[in-house]
Amino acid sequence: MAKQRLRRKCLKRSKRHLFEQISAFKSQVLYLKHNLNARGIAALQHEFIEIAQLIQAMEKTIAEARSFVEVLSDRKALPTSGHVDNLDSLLYVD
C-alpha cells in the first residue's frame, strides 16, 4: 500500500512536470508560428510590389507599341494583308 502511494505521488509529480514542459513547448511553437507568418506576409508584400512594377512596365510598352502603330497608320504604310513582303515598305512611304 505504501508503494502504491509512492508510485501515485511520483506519477503526479511527473505529470505536473510534463505539463510544464508541454506548456513551454506550446509557447515556443506559437512564437515560431507567428514569426513564420510575419515573414511570409513580408515576402508576399515584396512580391506584390514586383508585380506592380511589371504591370507598369507592360503598360508603358503597350503605350509605346500603340504610338508606333499610330505612326505607321499616319504614314499609311500598314499592309492590307496579313503578310509583309518587304519590311522597308512598312517604314518608308514614297
N, C-alpha and C. Protein backbone atom coordinates (compact mmCIF):
# COMPACT_ATOMS: atom_id res chain seq x y z
N MET A 1 0.82 -1.19 0.00
CA MET A 1 0.00 0.00 0.00
C MET A 1 0.87 1.26 0.00
N ALA A 2 1.91 1.27 0.76
CA ALA A 2 2.81 2.42 0.81
C ALA A 2 3.51 2.59 -0.54
N LYS A 3 3.82 1.47 -1.20
CA LYS A 3 4.47 1.53 -2.51
C LYS A 3 3.53 2.15 -3.54
N GLN A 4 2.24 1.82 -3.43
CA GLN A 4 1.26 2.38 -4.39
C GLN A 4 1.14 3.89 -4.20
N ARG A 5 1.15 4.34 -2.95
CA ARG A 5 1.07 5.79 -2.68
C ARG A 5 2.31 6.49 -3.24
N LEU A 6 3.44 5.86 -3.03
CA LEU A 6 4.67 6.44 -3.53
C LEU A 6 4.65 6.51 -5.06
N ARG A 7 4.17 5.46 -5.70
CA ARG A 7 4.06 5.45 -7.15
C ARG A 7 3.12 6.54 -7.65
N ARG A 8 1.96 6.67 -6.98
CA ARG A 8 1.00 7.71 -7.38
C ARG A 8 1.60 9.10 -7.21
N LYS A 9 2.30 9.28 -6.12
CA LYS A 9 2.92 10.56 -5.86
C LYS A 9 3.96 10.87 -6.95
N CYS A 10 4.77 9.89 -7.30
CA CYS A 10 5.77 10.06 -8.36
C CYS A 10 5.10 10.33 -9.70
N LEU A 11 4.03 9.62 -9.98
CA LEU A 11 3.31 9.82 -11.24
C LEU A 11 2.71 11.23 -11.32
N LYS A 12 2.14 11.70 -10.20
CA LYS A 12 1.55 13.04 -10.19
C LYS A 12 2.63 14.10 -10.41
N ARG A 13 3.79 13.90 -9.75
CA ARG A 13 4.90 14.84 -9.91
C ARG A 13 5.39 14.82 -11.35
N SER A 14 5.52 13.65 -11.93
CA SER A 14 5.96 13.53 -13.32
C SER A 14 4.95 14.17 -14.27
N LYS A 15 3.68 13.96 -13.97
CA LYS A 15 2.63 14.54 -14.80
C LYS A 15 2.68 16.06 -14.76
N ARG A 16 2.89 16.64 -13.57
CA ARG A 16 2.96 18.08 -13.41
C ARG A 16 4.16 18.64 -14.20
N HIS A 17 5.30 17.99 -14.08
CA HIS A 17 6.48 18.44 -14.82
C HIS A 17 6.27 18.30 -16.33
N LEU A 18 5.61 17.24 -16.72
CA LEU A 18 5.34 17.03 -18.14
C LEU A 18 4.45 18.14 -18.69
N PHE A 19 3.42 18.51 -17.95
CA PHE A 19 2.53 19.58 -18.40
C PHE A 19 3.27 20.92 -18.47
N GLU A 20 4.21 21.16 -17.55
CA GLU A 20 5.00 22.38 -17.60
C GLU A 20 5.85 22.40 -18.88
N GLN A 21 6.45 21.28 -19.21
CA GLN A 21 7.26 21.19 -20.42
C GLN A 21 6.40 21.35 -21.67
N ILE A 22 5.24 20.74 -21.68
CA ILE A 22 4.33 20.86 -22.83
C ILE A 22 3.88 22.30 -22.99
N SER A 23 3.60 22.97 -21.88
CA SER A 23 3.18 24.37 -21.94
C SER A 23 4.29 25.24 -22.54
N ALA A 24 5.51 25.03 -22.09
CA ALA A 24 6.64 25.79 -22.64
C ALA A 24 6.82 25.48 -24.12
N PHE A 25 6.66 24.23 -24.50
CA PHE A 25 6.78 23.83 -25.90
C PHE A 25 5.70 24.50 -26.74
N LYS A 26 4.48 24.54 -26.24
CA LYS A 26 3.39 25.20 -26.97
C LYS A 26 3.68 26.69 -27.17
N SER A 27 4.26 27.33 -26.16
CA SER A 27 4.61 28.75 -26.29
C SER A 27 5.65 28.95 -27.37
N GLN A 28 6.65 28.08 -27.42
CA GLN A 28 7.68 28.18 -28.45
C GLN A 28 7.09 27.96 -29.85
N VAL A 29 6.21 26.99 -29.97
CA VAL A 29 5.57 26.70 -31.26
C VAL A 29 4.73 27.90 -31.71
N LEU A 30 4.00 28.50 -30.78
CA LEU A 30 3.20 29.67 -31.12
C LEU A 30 4.07 30.83 -31.57
N TYR A 31 5.18 31.05 -30.87
CA TYR A 31 6.12 32.11 -31.26
C TYR A 31 6.65 31.86 -32.67
N LEU A 32 7.08 30.64 -32.94
CA LEU A 32 7.61 30.31 -34.27
C LEU A 32 6.54 30.47 -35.35
N LYS A 33 5.32 30.07 -35.02
CA LYS A 33 4.23 30.18 -35.99
C LYS A 33 3.98 31.65 -36.36
N HIS A 34 3.92 32.53 -35.36
CA HIS A 34 3.69 33.94 -35.63
C HIS A 34 4.86 34.55 -36.40
N ASN A 35 6.07 34.16 -36.03
CA ASN A 35 7.25 34.67 -36.70
C ASN A 35 7.25 34.25 -38.17
N LEU A 36 6.93 32.99 -38.42
CA LEU A 36 6.88 32.49 -39.79
C LEU A 36 5.78 33.20 -40.59
N ASN A 37 4.62 33.41 -39.98
CA ASN A 37 3.54 34.11 -40.67
C ASN A 37 3.95 35.54 -41.02
N ALA A 38 4.63 36.21 -40.10
CA ALA A 38 5.07 37.58 -40.35
C ALA A 38 6.06 37.62 -41.51
N ARG A 39 6.98 36.67 -41.54
CA ARG A 39 7.94 36.62 -42.65
C ARG A 39 7.24 36.33 -43.98
N GLY A 40 6.27 35.45 -43.95
CA GLY A 40 5.53 35.12 -45.17
C GLY A 40 4.77 36.32 -45.70
N ILE A 41 4.15 37.07 -44.82
CA ILE A 41 3.41 38.26 -45.23
C ILE A 41 4.37 39.30 -45.81
N ALA A 42 5.51 39.48 -45.18
CA ALA A 42 6.50 40.43 -45.69
C ALA A 42 6.98 40.03 -47.08
N ALA A 43 7.19 38.73 -47.29
CA ALA A 43 7.63 38.25 -48.60
C ALA A 43 6.55 38.48 -49.65
N LEU A 44 5.30 38.26 -49.29
CA LEU A 44 4.21 38.49 -50.23
C LEU A 44 4.09 39.96 -50.60
N GLN A 45 4.28 40.83 -49.62
CA GLN A 45 4.21 42.26 -49.92
C GLN A 45 5.29 42.64 -50.92
N HIS A 46 6.47 42.07 -50.77
CA HIS A 46 7.57 42.33 -51.71
C HIS A 46 7.18 41.83 -53.11
N GLU A 47 6.55 40.66 -53.18
CA GLU A 47 6.12 40.11 -54.47
C GLU A 47 5.09 41.02 -55.13
N PHE A 48 4.15 41.55 -54.35
CA PHE A 48 3.13 42.44 -54.91
C PHE A 48 3.77 43.70 -55.48
N ILE A 49 4.80 44.20 -54.83
CA ILE A 49 5.50 45.39 -55.33
C ILE A 49 6.14 45.06 -56.68
N GLU A 50 6.79 43.90 -56.76
CA GLU A 50 7.42 43.50 -58.03
C GLU A 50 6.38 43.33 -59.13
N ILE A 51 5.25 42.75 -58.81
CA ILE A 51 4.19 42.56 -59.80
C ILE A 51 3.67 43.91 -60.28
N ALA A 52 3.49 44.84 -59.35
CA ALA A 52 3.02 46.18 -59.74
C ALA A 52 4.02 46.85 -60.67
N GLN A 53 5.32 46.68 -60.41
CA GLN A 53 6.33 47.26 -61.28
C GLN A 53 6.30 46.61 -62.66
N LEU A 54 6.08 45.31 -62.72
CA LEU A 54 5.99 44.62 -64.00
C LEU A 54 4.78 45.11 -64.79
N ILE A 55 3.67 45.31 -64.11
CA ILE A 55 2.46 45.81 -64.78
C ILE A 55 2.71 47.20 -65.35
N GLN A 56 3.38 48.04 -64.58
CA GLN A 56 3.69 49.39 -65.08
C GLN A 56 4.58 49.32 -66.33
N ALA A 57 5.57 48.44 -66.30
CA ALA A 57 6.46 48.29 -67.47
C ALA A 57 5.68 47.78 -68.67
N MET A 58 4.73 46.85 -68.44
CA MET A 58 3.91 46.35 -69.54
C MET A 58 3.04 47.46 -70.12
N GLU A 59 2.44 48.26 -69.25
CA GLU A 59 1.59 49.35 -69.72
C GLU A 59 2.40 50.37 -70.54
N LYS A 60 3.63 50.63 -70.10
CA LYS A 60 4.49 51.55 -70.84
C LYS A 60 4.82 50.98 -72.22
N THR A 61 5.13 49.70 -72.26
CA THR A 61 5.46 49.04 -73.53
C THR A 61 4.26 49.04 -74.46
N ILE A 62 3.09 48.78 -73.93
CA ILE A 62 1.86 48.79 -74.74
C ILE A 62 1.62 50.18 -75.30
N ALA A 63 1.82 51.21 -74.48
CA ALA A 63 1.64 52.58 -74.96
C ALA A 63 2.62 52.91 -76.07
N GLU A 64 3.87 52.47 -75.93
CA GLU A 64 4.86 52.69 -76.98
C GLU A 64 4.49 51.96 -78.26
N ALA A 65 3.97 50.74 -78.13
CA ALA A 65 3.56 49.98 -79.30
C ALA A 65 2.39 50.67 -80.01
N ARG A 66 1.44 51.18 -79.24
CA ARG A 66 0.30 51.90 -79.84
C ARG A 66 0.78 53.14 -80.58
N SER A 67 1.73 53.83 -79.95
CA SER A 67 2.28 55.03 -80.60
C SER A 67 2.96 54.67 -81.91
N PHE A 68 3.69 53.57 -81.92
CA PHE A 68 4.37 53.12 -83.14
C PHE A 68 3.35 52.77 -84.22
N VAL A 69 2.29 52.08 -83.84
CA VAL A 69 1.24 51.71 -84.80
C VAL A 69 0.56 52.97 -85.34
N GLU A 70 0.36 53.97 -84.49
CA GLU A 70 -0.24 55.22 -84.97
C GLU A 70 0.66 55.91 -85.98
N VAL A 71 1.96 55.89 -85.73
CA VAL A 71 2.90 56.49 -86.69
C VAL A 71 2.80 55.76 -88.02
N LEU A 72 2.76 54.46 -87.98
CA LEU A 72 2.64 53.68 -89.21
C LEU A 72 1.31 53.95 -89.91
N SER A 73 0.26 54.09 -89.12
CA SER A 73 -1.06 54.37 -89.71
C SER A 73 -1.07 55.75 -90.36
N ASP A 74 -0.43 56.70 -89.72
CA ASP A 74 -0.37 58.06 -90.29
C ASP A 74 0.40 58.06 -91.61
N ARG A 75 1.37 57.22 -91.73
CA ARG A 75 2.14 57.13 -92.96
C ARG A 75 1.44 56.23 -93.98
N LYS A 76 0.38 55.61 -93.56
CA LYS A 76 -0.39 54.69 -94.41
C LYS A 76 0.50 53.60 -94.98
N ALA A 77 1.36 53.10 -94.15
CA ALA A 77 2.31 52.10 -94.60
C ALA A 77 1.94 50.71 -94.09
N LEU A 78 0.81 50.59 -93.43
CA LEU A 78 0.40 49.27 -92.96
C LEU A 78 -0.03 48.42 -94.14
N PRO A 79 0.40 47.19 -94.21
CA PRO A 79 -0.01 46.33 -95.32
C PRO A 79 -1.49 46.01 -95.24
N THR A 80 -2.09 45.81 -96.38
CA THR A 80 -3.52 45.48 -96.41
C THR A 80 -3.74 44.02 -96.06
N SER A 81 -2.76 43.18 -96.35
CA SER A 81 -2.91 41.76 -96.00
C SER A 81 -2.10 41.49 -94.75
N GLY A 82 -2.24 40.30 -94.22
CA GLY A 82 -1.52 39.93 -93.02
C GLY A 82 -0.07 39.59 -93.28
N HIS A 83 0.35 39.52 -94.54
CA HIS A 83 1.70 39.11 -94.89
C HIS A 83 2.49 40.33 -95.34
N VAL A 84 3.72 40.45 -94.84
CA VAL A 84 4.58 41.56 -95.22
C VAL A 84 5.68 41.02 -96.12
N ASP A 85 5.72 41.50 -97.36
CA ASP A 85 6.75 41.05 -98.29
C ASP A 85 8.04 41.84 -98.10
N ASN A 86 7.90 43.11 -97.86
CA ASN A 86 9.07 43.97 -97.78
C ASN A 86 8.97 44.81 -96.51
N LEU A 87 9.90 44.61 -95.61
CA LEU A 87 9.88 45.34 -94.34
C LEU A 87 10.08 46.83 -94.57
N ASP A 88 10.85 47.19 -95.60
CA ASP A 88 11.09 48.61 -95.87
C ASP A 88 9.79 49.33 -96.22
N SER A 89 8.84 48.62 -96.77
CA SER A 89 7.58 49.28 -97.12
C SER A 89 6.80 49.71 -95.89
N LEU A 90 7.08 49.08 -94.77
CA LEU A 90 6.41 49.50 -93.54
C LEU A 90 7.01 50.78 -92.99
N LEU A 91 8.28 51.00 -93.24
CA LEU A 91 8.96 52.12 -92.62
C LEU A 91 8.99 53.36 -93.49
N TYR A 92 9.03 53.19 -94.78
CA TYR A 92 9.14 54.35 -95.67
C TYR A 92 8.02 54.33 -96.70
N VAL A 93 7.42 55.48 -96.88
CA VAL A 93 6.36 55.62 -97.86
C VAL A 93 6.85 56.61 -98.91
N ASP A 94 6.74 56.24 -100.17
CA ASP A 94 7.16 57.13 -101.25
C ASP A 94 6.07 58.08 -101.63
